[in-house]
Amino acid sequence: MGLILFCKREKYIRFEYHLCPEKFRLMRSEADYSDVIENLETHKQIAQGNPNCGPIAQLEIPERFRWLTAVRSSIIQTSHPHPGKTDDLDKTFDRLFEELVK
């Protein structure tokens, strides 16, 4: 469904998502597809720091990451963050997105 990558030292945060409508229907979720997409897009805008997304989007990158990955009851539920190392954040993000999301 989505991936978020964060690096405090590089002041980097990136969030992308992919949700196939056909696969979503197979899950027989009580949530509406358009509501889930809207929530995912809001998460993406918050990660990007879009000022139109309210005060959370205006937080510093580490605080935005903590807010986006907080365990809470909502439409979008994230797994626990996993640490790692890389020399190329965008390349690693693209690889993980292809492997884990698409």
PDB file of N, CA and C in Angstrom:
ATOM      1  N   MET A   1       0.826  -1.180   0.000  1.00  0.00           N
ATOM      2  CA  MET A   1       0.000   0.000   0.000  1.00  0.00           C
ATOM      3  C   MET A   1       0.872   1.246   0.000  1.00  0.00           C
ATOM      4  N   GLY A   2       1.911   1.295   0.850  1.00  0.00           N
ATOM      5  CA  GLY A   2       2.740   2.491   0.880  1.00  0.00           C
ATOM      6  C   GLY A   2       4.066   2.256   1.567  1.00  0.00           C
ATOM      7  N   LEU A   3       4.948   3.244   1.414  1.00  0.00           N
ATOM      8  CA  LEU A   3       6.275   3.173   2.010  1.00  0.00           C
ATOM      9  C   LEU A   3       6.683   4.576   2.438  1.00  0.00           C
ATOM     10  N   ILE A   4       7.282   4.659   3.608  1.00  0.00           N
ATOM     11  CA  ILE A   4       7.838   5.927   4.081  1.00  0.00           C
ATOM     12  C   ILE A   4       9.288   5.679   4.468  1.00  0.00           C
ATOM     13  N   LEU A   5      10.164   6.572   4.012  1.00  0.00           N
ATOM     14  CA  LEU A   5      11.585   6.476   4.328  1.00  0.00           C
ATOM     15  C   LEU A   5      12.021   7.809   4.927  1.00  0.00           C
ATOM     16  N   PHE A   6      12.769   7.722   6.015  1.00  0.00           N
ATOM     17  CA  PHE A   6      13.164   8.905   6.768  1.00  0.00           C
ATOM     18  C   PHE A   6      14.632   8.803   7.148  1.00  0.00           C
ATOM     19  N   CYS A   7      15.342   9.923   7.024  1.00  0.00           N
ATOM     20  CA  CYS A   7      16.725  10.014   7.493  1.00  0.00           C
ATOM     21  C   CYS A   7      16.892  11.369   8.165  1.00  0.00           C
ATOM     22  N   LYS A   8      17.102  11.341   9.469  1.00  0.00           N
ATOM     23  CA  LYS A   8      17.234  12.583  10.230  1.00  0.00           C
ATOM     24  C   LYS A   8      18.456  13.383   9.784  1.00  0.00           C
ATOM     25  N   ARG A   9      19.585  12.699   9.632  1.00  0.00           N
ATOM     26  CA  ARG A   9      20.834  13.382   9.277  1.00  0.00           C
ATOM     27  C   ARG A   9      20.719  14.108   7.935  1.00  0.00           C
ATOM     28  N   GLU A  10      20.063  13.493   6.971  1.00  0.00           N
ATOM     29  CA  GLU A  10      19.931  14.089   5.639  1.00  0.00           C
ATOM     30  C   GLU A  10      18.687  14.978   5.504  1.00  0.00           C
ATOM     31  N   LYS A  11      17.907  15.073   6.584  1.00  0.00           N
ATOM     32  CA  LYS A  11      16.645  15.828   6.558  1.00  0.00           C
ATOM     33  C   LYS A  11      15.784  15.368   5.378  1.00  0.00           C
ATOM     34  N   TYR A  12      15.595  14.053   5.343  1.00  0.00           N
ATOM     35  CA  TYR A  12      14.925  13.393   4.220  1.00  0.00           C
ATOM     36  C   TYR A  12      13.702  12.654   4.719  1.00  0.00           C
ATOM     37  N   ILE A  13      12.606  12.847   4.024  1.00  0.00           N
ATOM     38  CA  ILE A  13      11.413  12.037   4.254  1.00  0.00           C
ATOM     39  C   ILE A  13      10.711  11.889   2.910  1.00  0.00           C
ATOM     40  N   ARG A  14      10.276  10.683   2.631  1.00  0.00           N
ATOM     41  CA  ARG A  14       9.564  10.419   1.372  1.00  0.00           C
ATOM     42  C   ARG A  14       8.487   9.383   1.637  1.00  0.00           C
ATOM     43  N   PHE A  15       7.317   9.659   1.122  1.00  0.00           N
ATOM     44  CA  PHE A  15       6.178   8.755   1.267  1.00  0.00           C
ATOM     45  C   PHE A  15       5.533   8.592  -0.097  1.00  0.00           C
ATOM     46  N   GLU A  16       5.338   7.367  -0.505  1.00  0.00           N
ATOM     47  CA  GLU A  16       4.633   7.057  -1.754  1.00  0.00           C
ATOM     48  C   GLU A  16       3.683   5.905  -1.469  1.00  0.00           C
ATOM     49  N   TYR A  17       2.665   5.799  -2.292  1.00  0.00           N
ATOM     50  CA  TYR A  17       1.710   4.706  -2.126  1.00  0.00           C
ATOM     51  C   TYR A  17       1.252   4.194  -3.484  1.00  0.00           C
ATOM     52  N   HIS A  18       0.732   2.986  -3.464  1.00  0.00           N
ATOM     53  CA  HIS A  18       0.144   2.364  -4.649  1.00  0.00           C
ATOM     54  C   HIS A  18      -0.966   1.447  -4.145  1.00  0.00           C
ATOM     55  N   LEU A  19      -2.177   1.694  -4.604  1.00  0.00           N
ATOM     56  CA  LEU A  19      -3.308   0.871  -4.178  1.00  0.00           C
ATOM     57  C   LEU A  19      -4.156   0.542  -5.394  1.00  0.00           C
ATOM     58  N   CYS A  20      -4.080  -0.685  -5.823  1.00  0.00           N
ATOM     59  CA  CYS A  20      -4.826  -1.163  -6.982  1.00  0.00           C
ATOM     60  C   CYS A  20      -6.301  -1.322  -6.599  1.00  0.00           C
ATOM     61  N   PRO A  21      -7.221  -0.681  -7.332  1.00  0.00           N
ATOM     62  CA  PRO A  21      -8.648  -0.775  -6.984  1.00  0.00           C
ATOM     63  C   PRO A  21      -9.171  -2.213  -6.985  1.00  0.00           C
ATOM     64  N   GLU A  22      -8.699  -3.018  -7.935  1.00  0.00           N
ATOM     65  CA  GLU A  22      -9.172  -4.405  -8.011  1.00  0.00           C
ATOM     66  C   GLU A  22      -8.727  -5.211  -6.788  1.00  0.00           C
ATOM     67  N   LYS A  23      -7.482  -5.049  -6.395  1.00  0.00           N
ATOM     68  CA  LYS A  23      -6.987  -5.757  -5.206  1.00  0.00           C
ATOM     69  C   LYS A  23      -7.670  -5.244  -3.943  1.00  0.00           C
ATOM     70  N   PHE A  24      -7.947  -3.951  -3.901  1.00  0.00           N
ATOM     71  CA  PHE A  24      -8.635  -3.383  -2.742  1.00  0.00           C
ATOM     72  C   PHE A  24     -10.019  -4.012  -2.589  1.00  0.00           C
ATOM     73  N   ARG A  25     -10.733  -4.170  -3.690  1.00  0.00           N
ATOM     74  CA  ARG A  25     -12.076  -4.783  -3.627  1.00  0.00           C
ATOM     75  C   ARG A  25     -12.008  -6.223  -3.122  1.00  0.00           C
ATOM     76  N   LEU A  26     -10.940  -6.925  -3.458  1.00  0.00           N
ATOM     77  CA  LEU A  26     -10.789  -8.311  -3.008  1.00  0.00           C
ATOM     78  C   LEU A  26     -10.619  -8.416  -1.493  1.00  0.00           C
ATOM     79  N   MET A  27     -10.149  -7.341  -0.857  1.00  0.00           N
ATOM     80  CA  MET A  27      -9.960  -7.351   0.596  1.00  0.00           C
ATOM     81  C   MET A  27     -11.289  -7.249   1.337  1.00  0.00           C
ATOM     82  N   ARG A  28     -12.341  -6.868   0.640  1.00  0.00           N
ATOM     83  CA  ARG A  28     -13.673  -6.710   1.237  1.00  0.00           C
ATOM     84  C   ARG A  28     -13.622  -5.823   2.481  1.00  0.00           C
ATOM     85  N   SER A  29     -12.949  -4.723   2.336  1.00  0.00           N
ATOM     86  CA  SER A  29     -12.807  -3.772   3.434  1.00  0.00           C
ATOM     87  C   SER A  29     -14.095  -2.995   3.646  1.00  0.00           C
ATOM     88  N   GLU A  30     -14.343  -2.624   4.894  1.00  0.00           N
ATOM     89  CA  GLU A  30     -15.487  -1.763   5.186  1.00  0.00           C
ATOM     90  C   GLU A  30     -15.195  -0.320   4.786  1.00  0.00           C
ATOM     91  N   ALA A  31     -13.931   0.004   4.618  1.00  0.00           N
ATOM     92  CA  ALA A  31     -13.542   1.355   4.204  1.00  0.00           C
ATOM     93  C   ALA A  31     -13.791   1.527   2.708  1.00  0.00           C
ATOM     94  N   ASP A  32     -14.099   2.737   2.319  1.00  0.00           N
ATOM     95  CA  ASP A  32     -14.321   3.066   0.922  1.00  0.00           C
ATOM     96  C   ASP A  32     -12.974   3.347   0.251  1.00  0.00           C
ATOM     97  N   TYR A  33     -12.798   2.845  -0.964  1.00  0.00           N
ATOM     98  CA  TYR A  33     -11.542   3.024  -1.694  1.00  0.00           C
ATOM     99  C   TYR A  33     -11.148   4.497  -1.773  1.00  0.00           C
ATOM    100  N   SER A  34     -12.085   5.358  -2.111  1.00  0.00           N
ATOM    101  CA  SER A  34     -11.765   6.784  -2.260  1.00  0.00           C
ATOM    102  C   SER A  34     -11.342   7.404  -0.926  1.00  0.00           C
ATOM    103  N   ASP A  35     -11.912   6.940   0.180  1.00  0.00           N
ATOM    104  CA  ASP A  35     -11.500   7.437   1.499  1.00  0.00           C
ATOM    105  C   ASP A  35     -10.065   7.023   1.822  1.00  0.00           C
ATOM    106  N   VAL A  36      -9.725   5.798   1.466  1.00  0.00           N
ATOM    107  CA  VAL A  36      -8.365   5.312   1.721  1.00  0.00           C
ATOM    108  C   VAL A  36      -7.365   6.103   0.878  1.00  0.00           C
ATOM    109  N   ILE A  37      -7.685   6.305  -0.401  1.00  0.00           N
ATOM    110  CA  ILE A  37      -6.807   7.085  -1.276  1.00  0.00           C
ATOM    111  C   ILE A  37      -6.658   8.510  -0.747  1.00  0.00           C
ATOM    112  N   GLU A  38      -7.746   9.099  -0.297  1.00  0.00           N
ATOM    113  CA  GLU A  38      -7.695  10.458   0.256  1.00  0.00           C
ATOM    114  C   GLU A  38      -6.774  10.516   1.477  1.00  0.00           C
ATOM    115  N   ASN A  39      -6.873   9.517   2.345  1.00  0.00           N
ATOM    116  CA  ASN A  39      -6.008   9.465   3.529  1.00  0.00           C
ATOM    117  C   ASN A  39      -4.544   9.257   3.143  1.00  0.00           C
ATOM    118  N   LEU A  40      -4.299   8.387   2.174  1.00  0.00           N
ATOM    119  CA  LEU A  40      -2.928   8.166   1.717  1.00  0.00           C
ATOM    120  C   LEU A  40      -2.342   9.440   1.110  1.00  0.00           C
ATOM    121  N   GLU A  41      -3.147  10.147   0.332  1.00  0.00           N
ATOM    122  CA  GLU A  41      -2.672  11.394  -0.281  1.00  0.00           C
ATOM    123  C   GLU A  41      -2.384  12.446   0.792  1.00  0.00           C
ATOM    124  N   THR A  42      -3.209  12.494   1.822  1.00  0.00           N
ATOM    125  CA  THR A  42      -2.958  13.423   2.926  1.00  0.00           C
ATOM    126  C   THR A  42      -1.649  13.077   3.623  1.00  0.00           C
ATOM    127  N   HIS A  43      -1.403  11.788   3.844  1.00  0.00           N
ATOM    128  CA  HIS A  43      -0.134  11.362   4.448  1.00  0.00           C
ATOM    129  C   HIS A  43       1.043  11.815   3.574  1.00  0.00           C
ATOM    130  N   LYS A  44       0.909  11.659   2.271  1.00  0.00           N
ATOM    131  CA  LYS A  44       1.978  12.063   1.354  1.00  0.00           C
ATOM    132  C   LYS A  44       2.223  13.567   1.446  1.00  0.00           C
ATOM    133  N   GLN A  45       1.158  14.343   1.471  1.00  0.00           N
ATOM    134  CA  GLN A  45       1.282  15.798   1.548  1.00  0.00           C
ATOM    135  C   GLN A  45       1.901  16.239   2.884  1.00  0.00           C
ATOM    136  N   ILE A  46       1.547  15.549   3.954  1.00  0.00           N
ATOM    137  CA  ILE A  46       2.148  15.848   5.263  1.00  0.00           C
ATOM    138  C   ILE A  46       3.645  15.542   5.221  1.00  0.00           C
ATOM    139  N   ALA A  47       4.008  14.390   4.661  1.00  0.00           N
ATOM    140  CA  ALA A  47       5.428  14.038   4.550  1.00  0.00           C
ATOM    141  C   ALA A  47       6.188  15.096   3.757  1.00  0.00           C
ATOM    142  N   GLN A  48       5.568  15.620   2.707  1.00  0.00           N
ATOM    143  CA  GLN A  48       6.215  16.633   1.869  1.00  0.00           C
ATOM    144  C   GLN A  48       6.231  18.012   2.523  1.00  0.00           C
ATOM    145  N   GLY A  49       5.507  18.162   3.620  1.00  0.00           N
ATOM    146  CA  GLY A  49       5.478  19.447   4.311  1.00  0.00           C
ATOM    147  C   GLY A  49       4.587  20.481   3.645  1.00  0.00           C
ATOM    148  N   ASN A  50       3.557  20.028   2.952  1.00  0.00           N
ATOM    149  CA  ASN A  50       2.629  20.939   2.279  1.00  0.00           C
ATOM    150  C   ASN A  50       1.920  21.800   3.322  1.00  0.00           C
ATOM    151  N   PRO A  51       2.127  23.120   3.310  1.00  0.00           N
ATOM    152  CA  PRO A  51       1.525  23.985   4.332  1.00  0.00           C
ATOM    153  C   PRO A  51      -0.001  23.999   4.303  1.00  0.00           C
ATOM    154  N   ASN A  52      -0.600  23.577   3.198  1.00  0.00           N
ATOM    155  CA  ASN A  52      -2.062  23.514   3.107  1.00  0.00           C
ATOM    156  C   ASN A  52      -2.645  22.332   3.871  1.00  0.00           C
ATOM    157  N   CYS A  53      -1.784  21.466   4.393  1.00  0.00           N
ATOM    158  CA  CYS A  53      -2.251  20.285   5.131  1.00  0.00           C
ATOM    159  C   CYS A  53      -2.274  20.507   6.639  1.00  0.00           C
ATOM    160  N   GLY A  54      -2.206  21.743   7.068  1.00  0.00           N
ATOM    161  CA  GLY A  54      -2.363  22.041   8.479  1.00  0.00           C
ATOM    162  C   GLY A  54      -1.071  22.032   9.263  1.00  0.00           C
ATOM    163  N   PRO A  55      -1.208  22.130  10.583  1.00  0.00           N
ATOM    164  CA  PRO A  55      -0.032  22.292  11.453  1.00  0.00           C
ATOM    165  C   PRO A  55       0.893  21.080  11.484  1.00  0.00           C
ATOM    166  N   ILE A  56       0.369  19.889  11.288  1.00  0.00           N
ATOM    167  CA  ILE A  56       1.230  18.697  11.332  1.00  0.00           C
ATOM    168  C   ILE A  56       2.236  18.735  10.189  1.00  0.00           C
ATOM    169  N   ALA A  57       1.801  19.177   9.028  1.00  0.00           N
ATOM    170  CA  ALA A  57       2.691  19.256   7.868  1.00  0.00           C
ATOM    171  C   ALA A  57       3.775  20.311   8.046  1.00  0.00           C
ATOM    172  N   GLN A  58       3.590  21.213   8.988  1.00  0.00           N
ATOM    173  CA  GLN A  58       4.569  22.272   9.216  1.00  0.00           C
ATOM    174  C   GLN A  58       5.584  21.913  10.300  1.00  0.00           C
ATOM    175  N   LEU A  59       5.419  20.734  10.899  1.00  0.00           N
ATOM    176  CA  LEU A  59       6.388  20.271  11.892  1.00  0.00           C
ATOM    177  C   LEU A  59       7.720  19.967  11.212  1.00  0.00           C
ATOM    178  N   GLU A  60       8.772  19.883  12.002  1.00  0.00           N
ATOM    179  CA  GLU A  60      10.068  19.463  11.476  1.00  0.00           C
ATOM    180  C   GLU A  60       9.954  18.013  10.995  1.00  0.00           C
ATOM    181  N   ILE A  61      10.845  17.619  10.101  1.00  0.00           N
ATOM    182  CA  ILE A  61      10.782  16.289   9.486  1.00  0.00           C
ATOM    183  C   ILE A  61      10.724  15.158  10.516  1.00  0.00           C
ATOM    184  N   PRO A  62      11.564  15.134  11.562  1.00  0.00           N
ATOM    185  CA  PRO A  62      11.468  14.025  12.526  1.00  0.00           C
ATOM    186  C   PRO A  62      10.098  13.930  13.201  1.00  0.00           C
ATOM    187  N   GLU A  63       9.494  15.075  13.521  1.00  0.00           N
ATOM    188  CA  GLU A  63       8.176  15.061  14.155  1.00  0.00           C
ATOM    189  C   GLU A  63       7.097  14.581  13.176  1.00  0.00           C
ATOM    190  N   ARG A  64       7.214  14.987  11.907  1.00  0.00           N
ATOM    191  CA  ARG A  64       6.264  14.504  10.895  1.00  0.00           C
ATOM    192  C   ARG A  64       6.368  12.993  10.750  1.00  0.00           C
ATOM    193  N   PHE A  65       7.608  12.491  10.722  1.00  0.00           N
ATOM    194  CA  PHE A  65       7.800  11.045  10.608  1.00  0.00           C
ATOM    195  C   PHE A  65       7.168  10.326  11.796  1.00  0.00           C
ATOM    196  N   ARG A  66       7.410  10.826  13.001  1.00  0.00           N
ATOM    197  CA  ARG A  66       6.829  10.180  14.188  1.00  0.00           C
ATOM    198  C   ARG A  66       5.306  10.217  14.134  1.00  0.00           C
ATOM    199  N   TRP A  67       4.738  11.330  13.689  1.00  0.00           N
ATOM    200  CA  TRP A  67       3.281  11.428  13.595  1.00  0.00           C
ATOM    201  C   TRP A  67       2.748  10.445  12.550  1.00  0.00           C
ATOM    202  N   LEU A  68       3.404  10.381  11.395  1.00  0.00           N
ATOM    203  CA  LEU A  68       2.937   9.502  10.318  1.00  0.00           C
ATOM    204  C   LEU A  68       3.049   8.026  10.680  1.00  0.00           C
ATOM    205  N   THR A  69       4.017   7.667  11.511  1.00  0.00           N
ATOM    206  CA  THR A  69       4.232   6.255  11.839  1.00  0.00           C
ATOM    207  C   THR A  69       3.708   5.868  13.219  1.00  0.00           C
ATOM    208  N   ALA A  70       3.027   6.785  13.876  1.00  0.00           N
ATOM    209  CA  ALA A  70       2.483   6.483  15.205  1.00  0.00           C
ATOM    210  C   ALA A  70       1.433   5.380  15.106  1.00  0.00           C
ATOM    211  N   VAL A  71       1.462   4.466  16.072  1.00  0.00           N
ATOM    212  CA  VAL A  71       0.466   3.398  16.130  1.00  0.00           C
ATOM    213  C   VAL A  71      -0.812   3.997  16.702  1.00  0.00           C
ATOM    214  N   ARG A  72      -1.845   3.998  15.885  1.00  0.00           N
ATOM    215  CA  ARG A  72      -3.125   4.545  16.326  1.00  0.00           C
ATOM    216  C   ARG A  72      -4.227   3.897  15.516  1.00  0.00           C
ATOM    217  N   SER A  73      -5.407   4.114  15.958  1.00  0.00           N
ATOM    218  CA  SER A  73      -6.564   3.558  15.267  1.00  0.00           C
ATOM    219  C   SER A  73      -7.003   4.553  14.199  1.00  0.00           C
ATOM    220  N   SER A  74      -6.753   4.231  12.957  1.00  0.00           N
ATOM    221  CA  SER A  74      -7.146   5.100  11.852  1.00  0.00           C
ATOM    222  C   SER A  74      -7.267   4.263  10.591  1.00  0.00           C
ATOM    223  N   ILE A  75      -7.624   4.903   9.511  1.00  0.00           N
ATOM    224  CA  ILE A  75      -7.739   4.184   8.240  1.00  0.00           C
ATOM    225  C   ILE A  75      -6.373   3.680   7.799  1.00  0.00           C
ATOM    226  N   ILE A  76      -5.346   4.503   7.975  1.00  0.00           N
ATOM    227  CA  ILE A  76      -3.986   4.127   7.584  1.00  0.00           C
ATOM    228  C   ILE A  76      -3.225   3.683   8.831  1.00  0.00           C
ATOM    229  N   GLN A  77      -2.868   2.408   8.858  1.00  0.00           N
ATOM    230  CA  GLN A  77      -2.118   1.867   9.990  1.00  0.00           C
ATOM    231  C   GLN A  77      -0.757   1.411   9.486  1.00  0.00           C
ATOM    232  N   THR A  78       0.282   1.958  10.073  1.00  0.00           N
ATOM    233  CA  THR A  78       1.631   1.626   9.628  1.00  0.00           C
ATOM    234  C   THR A  78       2.218   0.512  10.482  1.00  0.00           C
ATOM    235  N   SER A  79       3.159  -0.201   9.894  1.00  0.00           N
ATOM    236  CA  SER A  79       3.908  -1.174  10.688  1.00  0.00           C
ATOM    237  C   SER A  79       4.994  -0.414  11.444  1.00  0.00           C
ATOM    238  N   HIS A  80       5.663  -1.092  12.341  1.00  0.00           N
ATOM    239  CA  HIS A  80       6.734  -0.449  13.096  1.00  0.00           C
ATOM    240  C   HIS A  80       7.893  -0.119  12.148  1.00  0.00           C
ATOM    241  N   PRO A  81       8.537   1.020  12.330  1.00  0.00           N
ATOM    242  CA  PRO A  81       9.682   1.382  11.483  1.00  0.00           C
ATOM    243  C   PRO A  81      10.826   0.380  11.632  1.00  0.00           C
ATOM    244  N   HIS A  82      11.555   0.197  10.544  1.00  0.00           N
ATOM    245  CA  HIS A  82      12.706  -0.697  10.523  1.00  0.00           C
ATOM    246  C   HIS A  82      13.947   0.123  10.182  1.00  0.00           C
ATOM    247  N   PRO A  83      14.996   0.047  10.997  1.00  0.00           N
ATOM    248  CA  PRO A  83      16.207   0.824  10.715  1.00  0.00           C
ATOM    249  C   PRO A  83      17.024   0.198   9.591  1.00  0.00           C
ATOM    250  N   GLY A  84      17.847   1.008   8.977  1.00  0.00           N
ATOM    251  CA  GLY A  84      18.728   0.519   7.924  1.00  0.00           C
ATOM    252  C   GLY A  84      19.755   1.568   7.565  1.00  0.00           C
ATOM    253  N   LYS A  85      20.653   1.214   6.655  1.00  0.00           N
ATOM    254  CA  LYS A  85      21.694   2.125   6.192  1.00  0.00           C
ATOM    255  C   LYS A  85      21.722   2.110   4.673  1.00  0.00           C
ATOM    256  N   THR A  86      22.015   3.275   4.103  1.00  0.00           N
ATOM    257  CA  THR A  86      22.154   3.383   2.657  1.00  0.00           C
ATOM    258  C   THR A  86      22.996   4.600   2.316  1.00  0.00           C
ATOM    259  N   ASP A  87      23.612   4.552   1.152  1.00  0.00           N
ATOM    260  CA  ASP A  87      24.348   5.704   0.637  1.00  0.00           C
ATOM    261  C   ASP A  87      23.495   6.515  -0.334  1.00  0.00           C
ATOM    262  N   ASP A  88      22.382   5.935  -0.786  1.00  0.00           N
ATOM    263  CA  ASP A  88      21.524   6.598  -1.769  1.00  0.00           C
ATOM    264  C   ASP A  88      20.065   6.410  -1.354  1.00  0.00           C
ATOM    265  N   LEU A  89      19.509   7.409  -0.689  1.00  0.00           N
ATOM    266  CA  LEU A  89      18.156   7.303  -0.139  1.00  0.00           C
ATOM    267  C   LEU A  89      17.104   7.095  -1.224  1.00  0.00           C
ATOM    268  N   ASP A  90      17.169   7.860  -2.299  1.00  0.00           N
ATOM    269  CA  ASP A  90      16.162   7.718  -3.355  1.00  0.00           C
ATOM    270  C   ASP A  90      16.245   6.355  -4.037  1.00  0.00           C
ATOM    271  N   LYS A  91      17.445   5.885  -4.306  1.00  0.00           N
ATOM    272  CA  LYS A  91      17.616   4.574  -4.943  1.00  0.00           C
ATOM    273  C   LYS A  91      17.089   3.465  -4.025  1.00  0.00           C
ATOM    274  N   THR A  92      17.393   3.563  -2.747  1.00  0.00           N
ATOM    275  CA  THR A  92      16.900   2.575  -1.788  1.00  0.00           C
ATOM    276  C   THR A  92      15.386   2.630  -1.692  1.00  0.00           C
ATOM    277  N   PHE A  93      14.834   3.844  -1.651  1.00  0.00           N
ATOM    278  CA  PHE A  93      13.379   3.976  -1.602  1.00  0.00           C
ATOM    279  C   PHE A  93      12.750   3.309  -2.818  1.00  0.00           C
ATOM    280  N   ASP A  94      13.261   3.618  -4.008  1.00  0.00           N
ATOM    281  CA  ASP A  94      12.695   3.052  -5.236  1.00  0.00           C
ATOM    282  C   ASP A  94      12.754   1.526  -5.224  1.00  0.00           C
ATOM    283  N   ARG A  95      13.877   0.974  -4.772  1.00  0.00           N
ATOM    284  CA  ARG A  95      14.018  -0.490  -4.714  1.00  0.00           C
ATOM    285  C   ARG A  95      13.027  -1.097  -3.726  1.00  0.00           C
ATOM    286  N   LEU A  96      12.943  -0.528  -2.536  1.00  0.00           N
ATOM    287  CA  LEU A  96      12.011  -1.049  -1.528  1.00  0.00           C
ATOM    288  C   LEU A  96      10.564  -0.916  -1.984  1.00  0.00           C
ATOM    289  N   PHE A  97      10.251   0.188  -2.637  1.00  0.00           N
ATOM    290  CA  PHE A  97       8.886   0.398  -3.118  1.00  0.00           C
ATOM    291  C   PHE A  97       8.509  -0.674  -4.137  1.00  0.00           C
ATOM    292  N   GLU A  98       9.422  -0.964  -5.057  1.00  0.00           N
ATOM    293  CA  GLU A  98       9.162  -2.011  -6.059  1.00  0.00           C
ATOM    294  C   GLU A  98       9.029  -3.383  -5.399  1.00  0.00           C
ATOM    295  N   GLU A  99       9.899  -3.678  -4.438  1.00  0.00           N
ATOM    296  CA  GLU A  99       9.904  -4.991  -3.784  1.00  0.00           C
ATOM    297  C   GLU A  99       8.725  -5.190  -2.839  1.00  0.00           C
ATOM    298  N   LEU A 100       8.355  -4.155  -2.101  1.00  0.00           N
ATOM    299  CA  LEU A 100       7.399  -4.326  -1.007  1.00  0.00           C
ATOM    300  C   LEU A 100       5.996  -3.806  -1.289  1.00  0.00           C
ATOM    301  N   VAL A 101       5.880  -2.859  -2.203  1.00  0.00           N
ATOM    302  CA  VAL A 101       4.581  -2.211  -2.384  1.00  0.00           C
ATOM    303  C   VAL A 101       3.914  -2.608  -3.692  1.00  0.00           C
ATOM    304  N   LYS A 102       4.635  -2.521  -4.780  1.00  0.00           N
ATOM    305  CA  LYS A 102       4.008  -2.787  -6.088  1.00  0.00           C
ATOM    306  C   LYS A 102       3.786  -4.234  -6.356  1.00  0.00           C
TER     307      LYS A 102
END
